[in-house]
Amino acid sequence: EPKVTRAAASAPASGSASVRCPSGSPASTTAGSSGAEGIQSQAKTAIANSSEKASQVIWCDARAFKDEFQGLRTQLETTTGMSAKSHKTAEKCIRLLKKKQRVRDERGRNRGKVRPLIFLVSWPNTQELVAFLNQDLESMPAKVIVLCDTNGPKTRGAAERLSKDFTMVELVASTWAEAVDATAALLLK
């Protein structure tokens, strides 16, 4: 079991409780989400037992490529039981999604077999990515978790309003731990 690095332990979390991670250092998490190990285990079991194509987790955030935030990646991948595809910006994520669609169309693949996508998206990337996903929702099943862990209450309010306009937005998370737990929970659905 990989250890959560200091970067993950020091991830911003407001109003959070402390939980011990495998290394013994405190890791921040949302109050009441101490069942992360249970969610992690359930997600891994669901993925292993699934007869359908497993969902793909996509993390769209500039932090995904910074060394000091690799502990966040480790936490996401450990909790979900799968590797996460990362994109620095919504633009780069959209470029890859368009390429996948084009290749699928060229090969004549059945759209009914498209792998469901779960996006963990930082607020600066949310509006552009959600607008794109909303255009082609039928051919690309997607669920979105909006991460507002570095933003203030005004931004979180804007994210909440956006979530009411787009059904694919499952949650607006105010902490990294809340977003990771929600991502793992979506894998169970």
Protein backbone atom coordinates (compact mmCIF):
# COMPACT_ATOMS: atom_id res chain seq x y z
CA GLU A 1 0.00 0.00 0.00
CA PRO A 2 1.67 3.26 -1.08
CA LYS A 3 2.25 5.87 1.57
CA VAL A 4 0.66 9.28 1.34
CA THR A 5 3.43 11.85 1.05
CA ARG A 6 3.73 15.02 3.03
CA ALA A 7 2.21 17.00 0.13
CA ALA A 8 -1.05 15.06 0.52
CA ALA A 9 -0.95 15.42 4.27
CA SER A 10 -0.67 19.17 3.95
CA ALA A 11 -3.39 19.52 1.29
CA PRO A 12 -5.73 22.39 2.09
CA ALA A 13 -8.86 21.41 3.96
CA SER A 14 -11.17 23.69 5.84
CA GLY A 15 -13.04 22.38 8.86
CA SER A 16 -11.47 18.96 8.59
CA ALA A 17 -10.68 16.21 11.03
CA SER A 18 -7.39 14.33 11.13
CA VAL A 19 -6.94 10.70 10.12
CA ARG A 20 -3.73 8.67 10.20
CA CYS A 21 -2.43 7.55 6.84
CA PRO A 22 -0.22 4.44 6.35
CA SER A 23 2.97 6.40 7.11
CA GLY A 24 1.60 7.43 10.49
CA SER A 25 1.49 11.13 9.64
CA PRO A 26 -1.78 13.01 9.87
CA ALA A 27 -3.69 13.37 6.61
CA SER A 28 -6.47 15.87 6.25
CA THR A 29 -9.93 14.61 5.43
CA THR A 30 -13.48 15.79 5.71
CA ALA A 31 -15.23 15.16 8.99
CA GLY A 32 -17.28 12.00 8.77
CA SER A 33 -15.33 10.44 5.89
CA SER A 34 -13.19 8.14 8.01
CA GLY A 35 -14.53 5.19 6.02
CA ALA A 36 -12.12 5.88 3.16
CA GLU A 37 -10.59 2.42 3.52
CA GLY A 38 -14.05 0.89 3.12
CA ILE A 39 -14.77 2.95 0.01
CA GLN A 40 -11.34 2.09 -1.36
CA SER A 41 -11.94 -1.63 -0.83
CA GLN A 42 -15.44 -1.48 -2.32
CA ALA A 43 -14.19 0.43 -5.37
CA LYS A 44 -11.42 -2.11 -6.02
CA THR A 45 -13.87 -5.01 -5.64
CA ALA A 46 -16.43 -3.39 -7.94
CA ILE A 47 -13.78 -2.78 -10.61
CA ALA A 48 -12.49 -6.34 -10.37
CA ASN A 49 -15.99 -7.85 -10.57
CA SER A 50 -17.35 -5.61 -13.30
CA SER A 51 -18.33 -7.36 -16.52
CA GLU A 52 -18.71 -4.00 -18.27
CA LYS A 53 -15.85 -1.71 -19.16
CA ALA A 54 -14.55 -0.10 -16.00
CA SER A 55 -14.85 3.64 -15.63
CA GLN A 56 -11.85 5.80 -16.31
CA VAL A 57 -10.80 8.46 -13.80
CA ILE A 58 -9.55 11.72 -15.31
CA TRP A 59 -7.95 14.38 -13.11
CA CYS A 60 -7.98 17.80 -14.78
CA ASP A 61 -5.91 20.16 -12.66
CA ALA A 62 -2.59 21.98 -13.08
CA ARG A 63 -1.43 20.38 -9.81
CA ALA A 64 -1.51 16.92 -11.41
CA PHE A 65 1.92 17.53 -12.94
CA LYS A 66 3.69 19.24 -10.06
CA ASP A 67 6.11 17.16 -8.01
CA GLU A 68 4.92 18.58 -4.69
CA PHE A 69 1.41 17.26 -5.38
CA GLN A 70 2.31 13.67 -6.31
CA GLY A 71 0.98 12.64 -2.91
CA LEU A 72 -2.46 13.76 -4.09
CA ARG A 73 -2.15 11.51 -7.15
CA THR A 74 -1.10 8.61 -4.95
CA GLN A 75 -4.07 9.18 -2.65
CA LEU A 76 -6.48 9.35 -5.62
CA GLU A 77 -5.12 6.20 -7.23
CA THR A 78 -4.94 4.27 -3.96
CA THR A 79 -8.49 5.19 -2.96
CA THR A 80 -10.01 4.45 -6.37
CA GLY A 81 -7.90 1.36 -7.03
CA MET A 82 -6.99 2.52 -10.54
CA SER A 83 -4.58 4.87 -12.24
CA ALA A 84 -5.86 8.32 -13.10
CA LYS A 85 -5.33 9.98 -16.46
CA SER A 86 -4.17 13.56 -15.93
CA HIS A 87 -4.55 16.76 -17.89
CA LYS A 88 -3.20 20.16 -16.94
CA THR A 89 -6.03 22.14 -18.56
CA ALA A 90 -9.55 21.63 -19.86
CA GLU A 91 -8.26 22.45 -23.34
CA LYS A 92 -5.80 19.55 -23.30
CA CYS A 93 -8.42 17.21 -21.88
CA ILE A 94 -10.92 18.20 -24.58
CA ARG A 95 -8.27 17.70 -27.27
CA LEU A 96 -7.75 14.09 -26.13
CA LEU A 97 -11.50 13.42 -25.86
CA LYS A 98 -12.03 14.71 -29.43
CA LYS A 99 -9.19 12.50 -30.65
CA LYS A 100 -10.72 9.45 -28.94
CA GLN A 101 -14.10 10.21 -30.52
CA ARG A 102 -12.54 10.62 -33.96
CA VAL A 103 -10.63 7.32 -33.67
CA ARG A 104 -13.75 5.53 -32.43
CA ASP A 105 -15.78 6.93 -35.33
CA GLU A 106 -13.09 6.00 -37.89
CA ARG A 107 -12.93 2.45 -36.60
CA GLY A 108 -16.72 2.17 -36.52
CA ARG A 109 -16.76 1.12 -32.90
CA ASN A 110 -20.10 0.69 -31.19
CA ARG A 111 -20.76 3.77 -29.06
CA GLY A 112 -22.70 1.63 -26.57
CA LYS A 113 -19.39 0.21 -25.34
CA VAL A 114 -17.79 3.56 -24.49
CA ARG A 115 -16.07 3.54 -21.13
CA PRO A 116 -17.81 5.78 -18.57
CA LEU A 117 -15.64 8.72 -17.56
CA ILE A 118 -15.34 10.23 -14.10
CA PHE A 119 -13.74 13.67 -14.07
CA LEU A 120 -12.16 15.24 -11.00
CA VAL A 121 -11.81 18.84 -12.17
CA SER A 122 -10.41 21.94 -10.48
CA TRP A 123 -12.66 24.98 -10.68
CA PRO A 124 -10.55 26.91 -13.24
CA ASN A 125 -11.07 24.05 -15.73
CA THR A 126 -14.68 23.24 -14.93
CA GLN A 127 -16.73 25.60 -17.07
CA GLU A 128 -14.95 24.85 -20.34
CA LEU A 129 -14.85 21.08 -19.77
CA VAL A 130 -18.46 20.76 -18.59
CA ALA A 131 -19.71 22.81 -21.57
CA PHE A 132 -17.85 20.45 -23.93
CA LEU A 133 -19.09 17.30 -22.20
CA ASN A 134 -22.65 18.59 -22.25
CA GLN A 135 -22.56 18.87 -26.07
CA ASP A 136 -21.96 15.14 -26.55
CA LEU A 137 -23.37 13.62 -23.37
CA GLU A 138 -25.14 10.71 -25.08
CA SER A 139 -22.05 9.30 -26.77
CA MET A 140 -19.71 9.99 -23.86
CA PRO A 141 -21.13 9.04 -20.45
CA ALA A 142 -19.50 11.34 -17.91
CA LYS A 143 -19.77 12.33 -14.26
CA VAL A 144 -17.96 15.38 -12.90
CA ILE A 145 -16.71 16.27 -9.44
CA VAL A 146 -15.77 19.94 -9.16
CA LEU A 147 -12.89 20.64 -6.77
CA CYS A 148 -12.97 24.06 -5.09
CA ASP A 149 -10.35 23.39 -2.41
CA THR A 150 -8.27 26.48 -3.15
CA ASN A 151 -11.16 28.88 -3.74
CA GLY A 152 -13.27 31.11 -1.53
CA PRO A 153 -17.00 31.04 -0.82
CA LYS A 154 -17.89 33.18 -3.86
CA THR A 155 -16.28 30.71 -6.23
CA ARG A 156 -17.85 27.77 -4.44
CA GLY A 157 -21.25 29.49 -4.83
CA ALA A 158 -20.63 29.86 -8.57
CA ALA A 159 -19.70 26.18 -8.76
CA GLU A 160 -22.87 25.20 -6.89
CA ARG A 161 -24.97 27.25 -9.34
CA LEU A 162 -23.21 25.58 -12.28
CA SER A 163 -23.90 22.14 -10.79
CA LYS A 164 -27.63 22.87 -10.85
CA ASP A 165 -27.49 23.61 -14.58
CA PHE A 166 -25.57 20.46 -15.57
CA THR A 167 -26.77 17.06 -14.32
CA MET A 168 -23.38 15.48 -14.98
CA VAL A 169 -21.91 17.48 -12.07
CA GLU A 170 -22.30 15.10 -9.15
CA LEU A 171 -20.63 17.15 -6.42
CA VAL A 172 -18.86 20.40 -5.65
CA ALA A 173 -16.14 19.38 -3.20
CA SER A 174 -14.49 21.87 -0.87
CA THR A 175 -11.62 19.55 0.13
CA TRP A 176 -9.35 17.15 -1.71
CA ALA A 177 -10.38 14.27 0.55
CA GLU A 178 -14.07 14.90 -0.14
CA ALA A 179 -13.39 14.90 -3.90
CA VAL A 180 -11.37 11.66 -3.74
CA ASP A 181 -14.03 9.89 -1.67
CA ALA A 182 -16.74 11.04 -4.09
CA THR A 183 -14.70 9.77 -7.05
CA ALA A 184 -14.35 6.37 -5.40
CA ALA A 185 -18.07 6.30 -4.58
CA LEU A 186 -18.96 7.01 -8.24
CA LEU A 187 -16.97 3.94 -9.25
CA LEU A 188 -19.38 1.88 -7.13
CA LYS A 189 -22.49 3.12 -8.97
